[in-house]
Amino acid sequence: MPLQYVYLLLTVVVKEGQTVTEYAEKAGVPQTVMTRHLLEIGDRSRDKEKGLGLVTQKADMNDLRKHRAYVTTLGKSTMNKVINAALQRALQVMPKPQPPKDTGQRPDSDALSLRPIVEHGKCRA
């Protein structure tokens, strides 16, 4: 799946029910490009062939010229797979945590305290 389709799917997952124009503005692409991408990841492609079925578009009941995009069950499942794959990859490339070096010095108790002290309505660390 092309990366722009993954990005669009993530965008729809995060904010369902937007129009093509709203998604195009958010992504910074022309409306025609967004229409084509939504069709490709939707029920059927612009060539009237079967699409990926990750989103579905429904007519806006207040303005039938507009269509709003919603994630399908397959789209949610696919997004979960993408997120899990990205997390697994991130774990592979992240450096392993190193234990702190023992310097033999006693730690400063004030430096370890993260709790703010509130006095007279003012907060100081």
PDB file of N, CA and C in Angstrom:
ATOM      1  N   MET A   1       0.854  -1.171   0.000  1.00  0.00           N
ATOM      2  CA  MET A   1       0.000   0.000   0.000  1.00  0.00           C
ATOM      3  C   MET A   1       0.900   1.234   0.000  1.00  0.00           C
ATOM      4  N   PRO A   2       0.664   2.161  -0.908  1.00  0.00           N
ATOM      5  CA  PRO A   2       1.485   3.378  -0.947  1.00  0.00           C
ATOM      6  C   PRO A   2       1.373   4.173   0.350  1.00  0.00           C
ATOM      7  N   LEU A   3       2.444   4.857   0.698  1.00  0.00           N
ATOM      8  CA  LEU A   3       2.511   5.606   1.951  1.00  0.00           C
ATOM      9  C   LEU A   3       1.419   6.669   2.039  1.00  0.00           C
ATOM     10  N   GLN A   4       1.079   7.308   0.914  1.00  0.00           N
ATOM     11  CA  GLN A   4       0.040   8.333   0.977  1.00  0.00           C
ATOM     12  C   GLN A   4      -1.312   7.735   1.350  1.00  0.00           C
ATOM     13  N   TYR A   5      -1.550   6.468   1.016  1.00  0.00           N
ATOM     14  CA  TYR A   5      -2.793   5.802   1.426  1.00  0.00           C
ATOM     15  C   TYR A   5      -2.779   5.527   2.926  1.00  0.00           C
ATOM     16  N   VAL A   6      -1.617   5.132   3.449  1.00  0.00           N
ATOM     17  CA  VAL A   6      -1.486   4.895   4.891  1.00  0.00           C
ATOM     18  C   VAL A   6      -1.729   6.199   5.643  1.00  0.00           C
ATOM     19  N   TYR A   7      -1.135   7.284   5.151  1.00  0.00           N
ATOM     20  CA  TYR A   7      -1.324   8.594   5.786  1.00  0.00           C
ATOM     21  C   TYR A   7      -2.802   8.989   5.758  1.00  0.00           C
ATOM     22  N   LEU A   8      -3.450   8.799   4.621  1.00  0.00           N
ATOM     23  CA  LEU A   8      -4.865   9.154   4.509  1.00  0.00           C
ATOM     24  C   LEU A   8      -5.713   8.294   5.441  1.00  0.00           C
ATOM     25  N   LEU A   9      -5.433   7.001   5.491  1.00  0.00           N
ATOM     26  CA  LEU A   9      -6.178   6.123   6.391  1.00  0.00           C
ATOM     27  C   LEU A   9      -6.011   6.581   7.835  1.00  0.00           C
ATOM     28  N   LEU A  10      -4.790   6.905   8.231  1.00  0.00           N
ATOM     29  CA  LEU A  10      -4.546   7.397   9.588  1.00  0.00           C
ATOM     30  C   LEU A  10      -5.314   8.692   9.839  1.00  0.00           C
ATOM     31  N   THR A  11      -5.342   9.566   8.851  1.00  0.00           N
ATOM     32  CA  THR A  11      -6.073  10.830   8.975  1.00  0.00           C
ATOM     33  C   THR A  11      -7.565  10.583   9.181  1.00  0.00           C
ATOM     34  N   VAL A  12      -8.120   9.640   8.422  1.00  0.00           N
ATOM     35  CA  VAL A  12      -9.549   9.332   8.563  1.00  0.00           C
ATOM     36  C   VAL A  12      -9.817   8.658   9.912  1.00  0.00           C
ATOM     37  N   VAL A  13      -8.913   7.783  10.344  1.00  0.00           N
ATOM     38  CA  VAL A  13      -9.079   7.122  11.644  1.00  0.00           C
ATOM     39  C   VAL A  13      -9.123   8.162  12.759  1.00  0.00           C
ATOM     40  N   VAL A  14      -8.221   9.130  12.698  1.00  0.00           N
ATOM     41  CA  VAL A  14      -8.134  10.149  13.746  1.00  0.00           C
ATOM     42  C   VAL A  14      -9.351  11.065  13.738  1.00  0.00           C
ATOM     43  N   LYS A  15      -9.844  11.399  12.550  1.00  0.00           N
ATOM     44  CA  LYS A  15     -10.984  12.315  12.465  1.00  0.00           C
ATOM     45  C   LYS A  15     -11.945  11.857  11.375  1.00  0.00           C
ATOM     46  N   GLU A  16     -12.822  10.951  11.755  1.00  0.00           N
ATOM     47  CA  GLU A  16     -13.812  10.428  10.808  1.00  0.00           C
ATOM     48  C   GLU A  16     -14.886  11.471  10.509  1.00  0.00           C
ATOM     49  N   GLY A  17     -15.559  11.259   9.372  1.00  0.00           N
ATOM     50  CA  GLY A  17     -16.720  12.064   9.049  1.00  0.00           C
ATOM     51  C   GLY A  17     -16.424  13.384   8.379  1.00  0.00           C
ATOM     52  N   GLN A  18     -15.194  13.588   7.917  1.00  0.00           N
ATOM     53  CA  GLN A  18     -14.835  14.814   7.215  1.00  0.00           C
ATOM     54  C   GLN A  18     -15.124  14.660   5.718  1.00  0.00           C
ATOM     55  N   THR A  19     -15.161  15.771   5.021  1.00  0.00           N
ATOM     56  CA  THR A  19     -15.378  15.749   3.575  1.00  0.00           C
ATOM     57  C   THR A  19     -14.034  15.664   2.853  1.00  0.00           C
ATOM     58  N   VAL A  20     -14.105  15.405   1.559  1.00  0.00           N
ATOM     59  CA  VAL A  20     -12.896  15.350   0.737  1.00  0.00           C
ATOM     60  C   VAL A  20     -12.125  16.670   0.858  1.00  0.00           C
ATOM     61  N   THR A  21     -12.830  17.769   0.797  1.00  0.00           N
ATOM     62  CA  THR A  21     -12.194  19.086   0.883  1.00  0.00           C
ATOM     63  C   THR A  21     -11.463  19.260   2.206  1.00  0.00           C
ATOM     64  N   GLU A  22     -12.074  18.847   3.293  1.00  0.00           N
ATOM     65  CA  GLU A  22     -11.444  18.992   4.610  1.00  0.00           C
ATOM     66  C   GLU A  22     -10.191  18.129   4.722  1.00  0.00           C
ATOM     67  N   TYR A  23     -10.240  16.897   4.219  1.00  0.00           N
ATOM     68  CA  TYR A  23      -9.049  16.045   4.245  1.00  0.00           C
ATOM     69  C   TYR A  23      -7.961  16.603   3.337  1.00  0.00           C
ATOM     70  N   ALA A  24      -8.343  17.151   2.184  1.00  0.00           N
ATOM     71  CA  ALA A  24      -7.365  17.718   1.250  1.00  0.00           C
ATOM     72  C   ALA A  24      -6.650  18.911   1.883  1.00  0.00           C
ATOM     73  N   GLU A  25      -7.407  19.762   2.561  1.00  0.00           N
ATOM     74  CA  GLU A  25      -6.798  20.917   3.225  1.00  0.00           C
ATOM     75  C   GLU A  25      -5.836  20.473   4.310  1.00  0.00           C
ATOM     76  N   LYS A  26      -6.228  19.471   5.078  1.00  0.00           N
ATOM     77  CA  LYS A  26      -5.372  18.978   6.162  1.00  0.00           C
ATOM     78  C   LYS A  26      -4.069  18.382   5.611  1.00  0.00           C
ATOM     79  N   ALA A  27      -4.168  17.664   4.496  1.00  0.00           N
ATOM     80  CA  ALA A  27      -2.998  17.011   3.908  1.00  0.00           C
ATOM     81  C   ALA A  27      -2.187  17.948   3.018  1.00  0.00           C
ATOM     82  N   GLY A  28      -2.771  19.090   2.644  1.00  0.00           N
ATOM     83  CA  GLY A  28      -2.058  20.028   1.785  1.00  0.00           C
ATOM     84  C   GLY A  28      -1.962  19.555   0.347  1.00  0.00           C
ATOM     85  N   VAL A  29      -2.987  18.861  -0.119  1.00  0.00           N
ATOM     86  CA  VAL A  29      -3.012  18.385  -1.514  1.00  0.00           C
ATOM     87  C   VAL A  29      -4.275  18.902  -2.192  1.00  0.00           C
ATOM     88  N   PRO A  30      -4.281  18.939  -3.534  1.00  0.00           N
ATOM     89  CA  PRO A  30      -5.494  19.364  -4.230  1.00  0.00           C
ATOM     90  C   PRO A  30      -6.663  18.409  -3.956  1.00  0.00           C
ATOM     91  N   GLN A  31      -7.853  18.953  -4.036  1.00  0.00           N
ATOM     92  CA  GLN A  31      -9.060  18.162  -3.779  1.00  0.00           C
ATOM     93  C   GLN A  31      -9.166  16.984  -4.751  1.00  0.00           C
ATOM     94  N   THR A  32      -8.731  17.171  -5.987  1.00  0.00           N
ATOM     95  CA  THR A  32      -8.807  16.086  -6.975  1.00  0.00           C
ATOM     96  C   THR A  32      -7.932  14.903  -6.574  1.00  0.00           C
ATOM     97  N   VAL A  33      -6.768  15.196  -6.015  1.00  0.00           N
ATOM     98  CA  VAL A  33      -5.864  14.128  -5.559  1.00  0.00           C
ATOM     99  C   VAL A  33      -6.496  13.383  -4.386  1.00  0.00           C
ATOM    100  N   MET A  34      -7.083  14.139  -3.453  1.00  0.00           N
ATOM    101  CA  MET A  34      -7.699  13.507  -2.290  1.00  0.00           C
ATOM    102  C   MET A  34      -8.890  12.652  -2.718  1.00  0.00           C
ATOM    103  N   THR A  35      -9.675  13.129  -3.671  1.00  0.00           N
ATOM    104  CA  THR A  35     -10.807  12.348  -4.179  1.00  0.00           C
ATOM    105  C   THR A  35     -10.321  11.012  -4.730  1.00  0.00           C
ATOM    106  N   ARG A  36      -9.267  11.064  -5.514  1.00  0.00           N
ATOM    107  CA  ARG A  36      -8.705   9.846  -6.109  1.00  0.00           C
ATOM    108  C   ARG A  36      -8.215   8.886  -5.029  1.00  0.00           C
ATOM    109  N   HIS A  37      -7.510   9.408  -4.032  1.00  0.00           N
ATOM    110  CA  HIS A  37      -6.997   8.550  -2.953  1.00  0.00           C
ATOM    111  C   HIS A  37      -8.128   7.940  -2.130  1.00  0.00           C
ATOM    112  N   LEU A  38      -9.147   8.740  -1.810  1.00  0.00           N
ATOM    113  CA  LEU A  38     -10.284   8.203  -1.047  1.00  0.00           C
ATOM    114  C   LEU A  38     -11.010   7.120  -1.841  1.00  0.00           C
ATOM    115  N   LEU A  39     -11.103   7.298  -3.145  1.00  0.00           N
ATOM    116  CA  LEU A  39     -11.731   6.259  -3.971  1.00  0.00           C
ATOM    117  C   LEU A  39     -10.894   4.977  -3.944  1.00  0.00           C
ATOM    118  N   GLU A  40      -9.581   5.113  -4.062  1.00  0.00           N
ATOM    119  CA  GLU A  40      -8.699   3.936  -4.093  1.00  0.00           C
ATOM    120  C   GLU A  40      -8.750   3.145  -2.790  1.00  0.00           C
ATOM    121  N   ILE A  41      -8.789   3.844  -1.656  1.00  0.00           N
ATOM    122  CA  ILE A  41      -8.835   3.096  -0.383  1.00  0.00           C
ATOM    123  C   ILE A  41     -10.266   2.817   0.041  1.00  0.00           C
ATOM    124  N   GLY A  42     -11.212   3.267  -0.768  1.00  0.00           N
ATOM    125  CA  GLY A  42     -12.623   3.071  -0.464  1.00  0.00           C
ATOM    126  C   GLY A  42     -13.201   1.810  -1.069  1.00  0.00           C
ATOM    127  N   ASP A  43     -14.502   1.840  -1.303  1.00  0.00           N
ATOM    128  CA  ASP A  43     -15.231   0.667  -1.793  1.00  0.00           C
ATOM    129  C   ASP A  43     -14.884   0.304  -3.242  1.00  0.00           C
ATOM    130  N   ARG A  44     -14.706   1.320  -4.068  1.00  0.00           N
ATOM    131  CA  ARG A  44     -14.329   1.039  -5.461  1.00  0.00           C
ATOM    132  C   ARG A  44     -13.435   2.155  -5.960  1.00  0.00           C
ATOM    133  N   SER A  45     -12.529   1.825  -6.868  1.00  0.00           N
ATOM    134  CA  SER A  45     -11.574   2.793  -7.367  1.00  0.00           C
ATOM    135  C   SER A  45     -12.227   3.698  -8.411  1.00  0.00           C
ATOM    136  N   ARG A  46     -11.480   4.686  -8.862  1.00  0.00           N
ATOM    137  CA  ARG A  46     -12.027   5.595  -9.875  1.00  0.00           C
ATOM    138  C   ARG A  46     -12.251   4.893 -11.200  1.00  0.00           C
ATOM    139  N   ASP A  47     -11.611   3.747 -11.400  1.00  0.00           N
ATOM    140  CA  ASP A  47     -11.806   2.944 -12.610  1.00  0.00           C
ATOM    141  C   ASP A  47     -12.973   1.978 -12.454  1.00  0.00           C
ATOM    142  N   LYS A  48     -13.728   2.153 -11.389  1.00  0.00           N
ATOM    143  CA  LYS A  48     -14.896   1.324 -11.061  1.00  0.00           C
ATOM    144  C   LYS A  48     -14.518  -0.120 -10.719  1.00  0.00           C
ATOM    145  N   GLU A  49     -13.238  -0.334 -10.414  1.00  0.00           N
ATOM    146  CA  GLU A  49     -12.789  -1.642  -9.951  1.00  0.00           C
ATOM    147  C   GLU A  49     -12.916  -1.672  -8.431  1.00  0.00           C
ATOM    148  N   LYS A  50     -12.759  -2.854  -7.882  1.00  0.00           N
ATOM    149  CA  LYS A  50     -12.864  -2.997  -6.429  1.00  0.00           C
ATOM    150  C   LYS A  50     -11.731  -2.226  -5.761  1.00  0.00           C
ATOM    151  N   GLY A  51     -12.108  -1.392  -4.770  1.00  0.00           N
ATOM    152  CA  GLY A  51     -11.117  -0.635  -4.013  1.00  0.00           C
ATOM    153  C   GLY A  51     -10.580  -1.471  -2.859  1.00  0.00           C
ATOM    154  N   LEU A  52      -9.789  -0.845  -2.010  1.00  0.00           N
ATOM    155  CA  LEU A  52      -9.198  -1.558  -0.873  1.00  0.00           C
ATOM    156  C   LEU A  52     -10.205  -1.802   0.249  1.00  0.00           C
ATOM    157  N   GLY A  53     -11.294  -1.056   0.279  1.00  0.00           N
ATOM    158  CA  GLY A  53     -12.341  -1.272   1.286  1.00  0.00           C
ATOM    159  C   GLY A  53     -11.975  -0.828   2.688  1.00  0.00           C
ATOM    160  N   LEU A  54     -11.027   0.112   2.799  1.00  0.00           N
ATOM    161  CA  LEU A  54     -10.583   0.568   4.117  1.00  0.00           C
ATOM    162  C   LEU A  54     -11.465   1.676   4.673  1.00  0.00           C
ATOM    163  N   VAL A  55     -12.084   2.432   3.786  1.00  0.00           N
ATOM    164  CA  VAL A  55     -13.016   3.482   4.193  1.00  0.00           C
ATOM    165  C   VAL A  55     -14.267   3.383   3.336  1.00  0.00           C
ATOM    166  N   THR A  56     -15.308   4.002   3.810  1.00  0.00           N
ATOM    167  CA  THR A  56     -16.535   4.101   3.029  1.00  0.00           C
ATOM    168  C   THR A  56     -16.980   5.557   3.074  1.00  0.00           C
ATOM    169  N   GLN A  57     -17.602   6.002   2.007  1.00  0.00           N
ATOM    170  CA  GLN A  57     -18.093   7.374   1.960  1.00  0.00           C
ATOM    171  C   GLN A  57     -19.611   7.363   1.951  1.00  0.00           C
ATOM    172  N   LYS A  58     -20.164   8.224   2.777  1.00  0.00           N
ATOM    173  CA  LYS A  58     -21.619   8.327   2.877  1.00  0.00           C
ATOM    174  C   LYS A  58     -22.026   9.754   2.571  1.00  0.00           C
ATOM    175  N   ALA A  59     -23.165   9.899   1.893  1.00  0.00           N
ATOM    176  CA  ALA A  59     -23.668  11.225   1.562  1.00  0.00           C
ATOM    177  C   ALA A  59     -24.027  11.985   2.833  1.00  0.00           C
ATOM    178  N   ASP A  60     -23.702  13.262   2.838  1.00  0.00           N
ATOM    179  CA  ASP A  60     -24.066  14.147   3.941  1.00  0.00           C
ATOM    180  C   ASP A  60     -25.561  14.430   3.815  1.00  0.00           C
ATOM    181  N   MET A  61     -26.317  14.156   4.846  1.00  0.00           N
ATOM    182  CA  MET A  61     -27.769  14.309   4.787  1.00  0.00           C
ATOM    183  C   MET A  61     -28.196  15.770   4.686  1.00  0.00           C
ATOM    184  N   ASN A  62     -27.341  16.706   5.093  1.00  0.00           N
ATOM    185  CA  ASN A  62     -27.660  18.128   4.999  1.00  0.00           C
ATOM    186  C   ASN A  62     -27.274  18.721   3.645  1.00  0.00           C
ATOM    187  N   ASP A  63     -26.331  18.085   2.954  1.00  0.00           N
ATOM    188  CA  ASP A  63     -25.880  18.565   1.648  1.00  0.00           C
ATOM    189  C   ASP A  63     -25.457  17.349   0.840  1.00  0.00           C
ATOM    190  N   LEU A  64     -26.342  16.861  -0.006  1.00  0.00           N
ATOM    191  CA  LEU A  64     -26.096  15.614  -0.730  1.00  0.00           C
ATOM    192  C   LEU A  64     -24.941  15.706  -1.727  1.00  0.00           C
ATOM    193  N   ARG A  65     -24.431  16.910  -1.976  1.00  0.00           N
ATOM    194  CA  ARG A  65     -23.257  17.040  -2.853  1.00  0.00           C
ATOM    195  C   ARG A  65     -21.990  16.591  -2.130  1.00  0.00           C
ATOM    196  N   LYS A  66     -22.017  16.615  -0.815  1.00  0.00           N
ATOM    197  CA  LYS A  66     -20.844  16.258  -0.018  1.00  0.00           C
ATOM    198  C   LYS A  66     -20.921  14.807   0.427  1.00  0.00           C
ATOM    199  N   HIS A  67     -19.768  14.192   0.515  1.00  0.00           N
ATOM    200  CA  HIS A  67     -19.654  12.831   1.041  1.00  0.00           C
ATOM    201  C   HIS A  67     -18.656  12.840   2.182  1.00  0.00           C
ATOM    202  N   ARG A  68     -18.973  12.112   3.213  1.00  0.00           N
ATOM    203  CA  ARG A  68     -18.111  12.046   4.387  1.00  0.00           C
ATOM    204  C   ARG A  68     -17.499  10.647   4.486  1.00  0.00           C
ATOM    205  N   ALA A  69     -16.233  10.598   4.896  1.00  0.00           N
ATOM    206  CA  ALA A  69     -15.491   9.336   4.940  1.00  0.00           C
ATOM    207  C   ALA A  69     -15.500   8.742   6.346  1.00  0.00           C
ATOM    208  N   TYR A  70     -15.691   7.422   6.389  1.00  0.00           N
ATOM    209  CA  TYR A  70     -15.694   6.674   7.647  1.00  0.00           C
ATOM    210  C   TYR A  70     -14.845   5.418   7.474  1.00  0.00           C
ATOM    211  N   VAL A  71     -14.179   5.015   8.537  1.00  0.00           N
ATOM    212  CA  VAL A  71     -13.316   3.833   8.497  1.00  0.00           C
ATOM    213  C   VAL A  71     -14.174   2.576   8.607  1.00  0.00           C
ATOM    214  N   THR A  72     -13.851   1.577   7.800  1.00  0.00           N
ATOM    215  CA  THR A  72     -14.547   0.292   7.865  1.00  0.00           C
ATOM    216  C   THR A  72     -13.852  -0.604   8.885  1.00  0.00           C
ATOM    217  N   THR A  73     -14.442  -1.745   9.159  1.00  0.00           N
ATOM    218  CA  THR A  73     -13.824  -2.721  10.058  1.00  0.00           C
ATOM    219  C   THR A  73     -12.468  -3.161   9.502  1.00  0.00           C
ATOM    220  N   LEU A  74     -12.406  -3.382   8.191  1.00  0.00           N
ATOM    221  CA  LEU A  74     -11.136  -3.755   7.559  1.00  0.00           C
ATOM    222  C   LEU A  74     -10.115  -2.627   7.704  1.00  0.00           C
ATOM    223  N   GLY A  75     -10.569  -1.386   7.586  1.00  0.00           N
ATOM    224  CA  GLY A  75      -9.672  -0.241   7.750  1.00  0.00           C
ATOM    225  C   GLY A  75      -9.091  -0.160   9.148  1.00  0.00           C
ATOM    226  N   LYS A  76      -9.916  -0.407  10.154  1.00  0.00           N
ATOM    227  CA  LYS A  76      -9.439  -0.390  11.545  1.00  0.00           C
ATOM    228  C   LYS A  76      -8.430  -1.505  11.785  1.00  0.00           C
ATOM    229  N   SER A  77      -8.725  -2.670  11.260  1.00  0.00           N
ATOM    230  CA  SER A  77      -7.814  -3.806  11.397  1.00  0.00           C
ATOM    231  C   SER A  77      -6.478  -3.511  10.713  1.00  0.00           C
ATOM    232  N   THR A  78      -6.544  -2.946   9.522  1.00  0.00           N
ATOM    233  CA  THR A  78      -5.330  -2.608   8.780  1.00  0.00           C
ATOM    234  C   THR A  78      -4.518  -1.559   9.520  1.00  0.00           C
ATOM    235  N   MET A  79      -5.190  -0.543  10.069  1.00  0.00           N
ATOM    236  CA  MET A  79      -4.477   0.503  10.805  1.00  0.00           C
ATOM    237  C   MET A  79      -3.795  -0.069  12.035  1.00  0.00           C
ATOM    238  N   ASN A  80      -4.452  -0.999  12.728  1.00  0.00           N
ATOM    239  CA  ASN A  80      -3.820  -1.658  13.878  1.00  0.00           C
ATOM    240  C   ASN A  80      -2.561  -2.399  13.461  1.00  0.00           C
ATOM    241  N   LYS A  81      -2.605  -3.067  12.316  1.00  0.00           N
ATOM    242  CA  LYS A  81      -1.424  -3.788  11.822  1.00  0.00           C
ATOM    243  C   LYS A  81      -0.293  -2.817  11.493  1.00  0.00           C
ATOM    244  N   VAL A  82      -0.625  -1.700  10.872  1.00  0.00           N
ATOM    245  CA  VAL A  82       0.384  -0.696  10.524  1.00  0.00           C
ATOM    246  C   VAL A  82       1.019  -0.131  11.789  1.00  0.00           C
ATOM    247  N   ILE A  83       0.200   0.204  12.776  1.00  0.00           N
ATOM    248  CA  ILE A  83       0.719   0.762  14.027  1.00  0.00           C
ATOM    249  C   ILE A  83       1.597  -0.259  14.747  1.00  0.00           C
ATOM    250  N   ASN A  84       1.157  -1.506  14.820  1.00  0.00           N
ATOM    251  CA  ASN A  84       1.962  -2.539  15.481  1.00  0.00           C
ATOM    252  C   ASN A  84       3.283  -2.764  14.762  1.00  0.00           C
ATOM    253  N   ALA A  85       3.264  -2.757  13.439  1.00  0.00           N
ATOM    254  CA  ALA A  85       4.509  -2.927  12.676  1.00  0.00           C
ATOM    255  C   ALA A  85       5.454  -1.756  12.929  1.00  0.00           C
ATOM    256  N   ALA A  86       4.915  -0.541  12.982  1.00  0.00           N
ATOM    257  CA  ALA A  86       5.748   0.629  13.246  1.00  0.00           C
ATOM    258  C   ALA A  86       6.342   0.574  14.654  1.00  0.00           C
ATOM    259  N   LEU A  87       5.548   0.145  15.636  1.00  0.00           N
ATOM    260  CA  LEU A  87       6.053   0.029  16.999  1.00  0.00           C
ATOM    261  C   LEU A  87       7.139  -1.031  17.105  1.00  0.00           C
ATOM    262  N   GLN A  88       6.940  -2.159  16.437  1.00  0.00           N
ATOM    263  CA  GLN A  88       7.953  -3.211  16.454  1.00  0.00           C
ATOM    264  C   GLN A  88       9.257  -2.718  15.832  1.00  0.00           C
ATOM    265  N   ARG A  89       9.138  -1.979  14.737  1.00  0.00           N
ATOM    266  CA  ARG A  89      10.324  -1.442  14.068  1.00  0.00           C
ATOM    267  C   ARG A  89      11.028  -0.426  14.966  1.00  0.00           C
ATOM    268  N   ALA A  90      10.241   0.416  15.636  1.00  0.00           N
ATOM    269  CA  ALA A  90      10.825   1.410  16.537  1.00  0.00           C
ATOM    270  C   ALA A  90      11.586   0.735  17.670  1.00  0.00           C
ATOM    271  N   LEU A  91      11.031  -0.350  18.202  1.00  0.00           N
ATOM    272  CA  LEU A  91      11.708  -1.075  19.274  1.00  0.00           C
ATOM    273  C   LEU A  91      13.006  -1.709  18.793  1.00  0.00           C
ATOM    274  N   GLN A  92      13.051  -2.103  17.534  1.00  0.00           N
ATOM    275  CA  GLN A  92      14.259  -2.714  16.984  1.00  0.00           C
ATOM    276  C   GLN A  92      15.393  -1.700  16.831  1.00  0.00           C
ATOM    277  N   VAL A  93      15.062  -0.480  16.462  1.00  0.00           N
ATOM    278  CA  VAL A  93      16.105   0.501  16.181  1.00  0.00           C
ATOM    279  C   VAL A  93      16.448   1.385  17.370  1.00  0.00           C
ATOM    280  N   MET A  94      15.609   1.375  18.415  1.00  0.00           N
ATOM    281  CA  MET A  94      15.898   2.196  19.594  1.00  0.00           C
ATOM    282  C   MET A  94      17.083   1.613  20.357  1.00  0.00           C
ATOM    283  N   PRO A  95      17.966   2.480  20.858  1.00  0.00           N
ATOM    284  CA  PRO A  95      19.064   1.966  21.672  1.00  0.00           C
ATOM    285  C   PRO A  95      18.543   1.391  22.979  1.00  0.00           C
ATOM    286  N   LYS A  96      19.176   0.350  23.431  1.00  0.00           N
ATOM    287  CA  LYS A  96      18.783  -0.282  24.688  1.00  0.00           C
ATOM    288  C   LYS A  96      19.176   0.628  25.844  1.00  0.00           C
ATOM    289  N   PRO A  97      18.322   0.750  26.873  1.00  0.00           N
ATOM    290  CA  PRO A  97      18.664   1.613  28.012  1.00  0.00           C
ATOM    291  C   PRO A  97      19.880   1.063  28.756  1.00  0.00           C
ATOM    292  N   GLN A  98      20.746   1.975  29.158  1.00  0.00           N
ATOM    293  CA  GLN A  98      21.950   1.602  29.888  1.00  0.00           C
ATOM    294  C   GLN A  98      21.723   1.879  31.369  1.00  0.00           C
ATOM    295  N   PRO A  99      22.204   0.979  32.234  1.00  0.00           N
ATOM    296  CA  PRO A  99      22.064   1.242  33.673  1.00  0.00           C
ATOM    297  C   PRO A  99      22.911   2.455  34.053  1.00  0.00           C
ATOM    298  N   PRO A 100      22.473   3.224  35.049  1.00  0.00           N
ATOM    299  CA  PRO A 100      23.251   4.400  35.463  1.00  0.00           C
ATOM    300  C   PRO A 100      24.606   3.975  36.010  1.00  0.00           C
ATOM    301  N   LYS A 101      25.590   4.797  35.755  1.00  0.00           N
ATOM    302  CA  LYS A 101      26.938   4.519  36.259  1.00  0.00           C
ATOM    303  C   LYS A 101      27.011   4.880  37.730  1.00  0.00           C
ATOM    304  N   ASP A 102      27.671   4.031  38.500  1.00  0.00           N
ATOM    305  CA  ASP A 102      27.843   4.275  39.927  1.00  0.00           C
ATOM    306  C   ASP A 102      29.051   5.181  40.115  1.00  0.00           C
ATOM    307  N   THR A 103      28.799   6.436  40.520  1.00  0.00           N
ATOM    308  CA  THR A 103      29.882   7.398  40.699  1.00  0.00           C
ATOM    309  C   THR A 103      30.411   7.398  42.128  1.00  0.00           C
ATOM    310  N   GLY A 104      29.725   6.694  43.009  1.00  0.00           N
ATOM    311  CA  GLY A 104      30.160   6.648  44.391  1.00  0.00           C
ATOM    312  C   GLY A 104      29.689   7.842  45.201  1.00  0.00           C
ATOM    313  N   GLN A 105      29.017   8.803  44.568  1.00  0.00           N
ATOM    314  CA  GLN A 105      28.523   9.967  45.282  1.00  0.00           C
ATOM    315  C   GLN A 105      27.075   9.757  45.669  1.00  0.00           C
ATOM    316  N   ARG A 106      26.713  10.381  46.765  1.00  0.00           N
ATOM    317  CA  ARG A 106      25.337  10.307  47.241  1.00  0.00           C
ATOM    318  C   ARG A 106      24.497  11.271  46.416  1.00  0.00           C
ATOM    319  N   PRO A 107      23.337  10.829  45.901  1.00  0.00           N
ATOM    320  CA  PRO A 107      22.513  11.731  45.099  1.00  0.00           C
ATOM    321  C   PRO A 107      21.928  12.844  45.952  1.00  0.00           C
ATOM    322  N   ASP A 108      21.790  13.997  45.351  1.00  0.00           N
ATOM    323  CA  ASP A 108      21.194  15.161  46.013  1.00  0.00           C
ATOM    324  C   ASP A 108      19.687  14.944  46.102  1.00  0.00           C
ATOM    325  N   SER A 109      19.156  14.928  47.318  1.00  0.00           N
ATOM    326  CA  SER A 109      17.739  14.620  47.500  1.00  0.00           C
ATOM    327  C   SER A 109      16.848  15.678  46.869  1.00  0.00           C
ATOM    328  N   ASP A 110      17.288  16.947  46.852  1.00  0.00           N
ATOM    329  CA  ASP A 110      16.491  17.995  46.219  1.00  0.00           C
ATOM    330  C   ASP A 110      16.411  17.788  44.713  1.00  0.00           C
ATOM    331  N   ALA A 111      17.472  17.309  44.114  1.00  0.00           N
ATOM    332  CA  ALA A 111      17.487  17.087  42.671  1.00  0.00           C
ATOM    333  C   ALA A 111      16.560  15.939  42.276  1.00  0.00           C
ATOM    334  N   LEU A 112      16.343  14.982  43.175  1.00  0.00           N
ATOM    335  CA  LEU A 112      15.496  13.839  42.869  1.00  0.00           C
ATOM    336  C   LEU A 112      14.017  14.147  43.045  1.00  0.00           C
ATOM    337  N   SER A 113      13.695  15.196  43.782  1.00  0.00           N
ATOM    338  CA  SER A 113      12.295  15.518  44.053  1.00  0.00           C
ATOM    339  C   SER A 113      11.668  16.189  42.844  1.00  0.00           C
ATOM    340  N   LEU A 114      10.580  15.611  42.360  1.00  0.00           N
ATOM    341  CA  LEU A 114       9.854  16.187  41.229  1.00  0.00           C
ATOM    342  C   LEU A 114       8.568  16.850  41.669  1.00  0.00           C
ATOM    343  N   ARG A 115       8.268  16.755  42.965  1.00  0.00           N
ATOM    344  CA  ARG A 115       7.017  17.285  43.483  1.00  0.00           C
ATOM    345  C   ARG A 115       7.153  18.777  43.748  1.00  0.00           C
ATOM    346  N   PRO A 116       6.296  19.598  43.139  1.00  0.00           N
ATOM    347  CA  PRO A 116       6.381  21.031  43.405  1.00  0.00           C
ATOM    348  C   PRO A 116       5.884  21.351  44.808  1.00  0.00           C
ATOM    349  N   ILE A 117       6.416  22.374  45.390  1.00  0.00           N
ATOM    350  CA  ILE A 117       6.005  22.836  46.720  1.00  0.00           C
ATOM    351  C   ILE A 117       5.176  24.089  46.515  1.00  0.00           C
ATOM    352  N   VAL A 118       3.971  24.078  47.043  1.00  0.00           N
ATOM    353  CA  VAL A 118       3.067  25.195  46.864  1.00  0.00           C
ATOM    354  C   VAL A 118       3.058  26.037  48.140  1.00  0.00           C
ATOM    355  N   GLU A 119       3.417  27.293  47.990  1.00  0.00           N
ATOM    356  CA  GLU A 119       3.411  28.220  49.127  1.00  0.00           C
ATOM    357  C   GLU A 119       2.715  29.503  48.716  1.00  0.00           C
ATOM    358  N   HIS A 120       1.707  29.880  49.445  1.00  0.00           N
ATOM    359  CA  HIS A 120       1.015  31.138  49.247  1.00  0.00           C
ATOM    360  C   HIS A 120       0.549  31.324  47.807  1.00  0.00           C
ATOM    361  N   GLY A 121       0.033  30.271  47.207  1.00  0.00           N
ATOM    362  CA  GLY A 121      -0.523  30.368  45.864  1.00  0.00           C
ATOM    363  C   GLY A 121       0.516  30.379  44.770  1.00  0.00           C
ATOM    364  N   LYS A 122       1.804  30.292  45.124  1.00  0.00           N
ATOM    365  CA  LYS A 122       2.868  30.274  44.120  1.00  0.00           C
ATOM    366  C   LYS A 122       3.515  28.903  44.162  1.00  0.00           C
ATOM    367  N   CYS A 123       3.886  28.424  43.001  1.00  0.00           N
ATOM    368  CA  CYS A 123       4.478  27.100  42.907  1.00  0.00           C
ATOM    369  C   CYS A 123       5.949  27.249  42.598  1.00  0.00           C
ATOM    370  N   ARG A 124       6.789  26.569  43.362  1.00  0.00           N
ATOM    371  CA  ARG A 124       8.225  26.573  43.055  1.00  0.00           C
ATOM    372  C   ARG A 124       8.731  25.145  43.147  1.00  0.00           C
ATOM    373  N   ALA A 125       9.749  24.855  42.399  1.00  0.00           N
ATOM    374  CA  ALA A 125      10.305  23.509  42.373  1.00  0.00           C
ATOM    375  C   ALA A 125      11.406  23.372  43.388  1.00  0.00           C
TER     376      ALA A 125
END
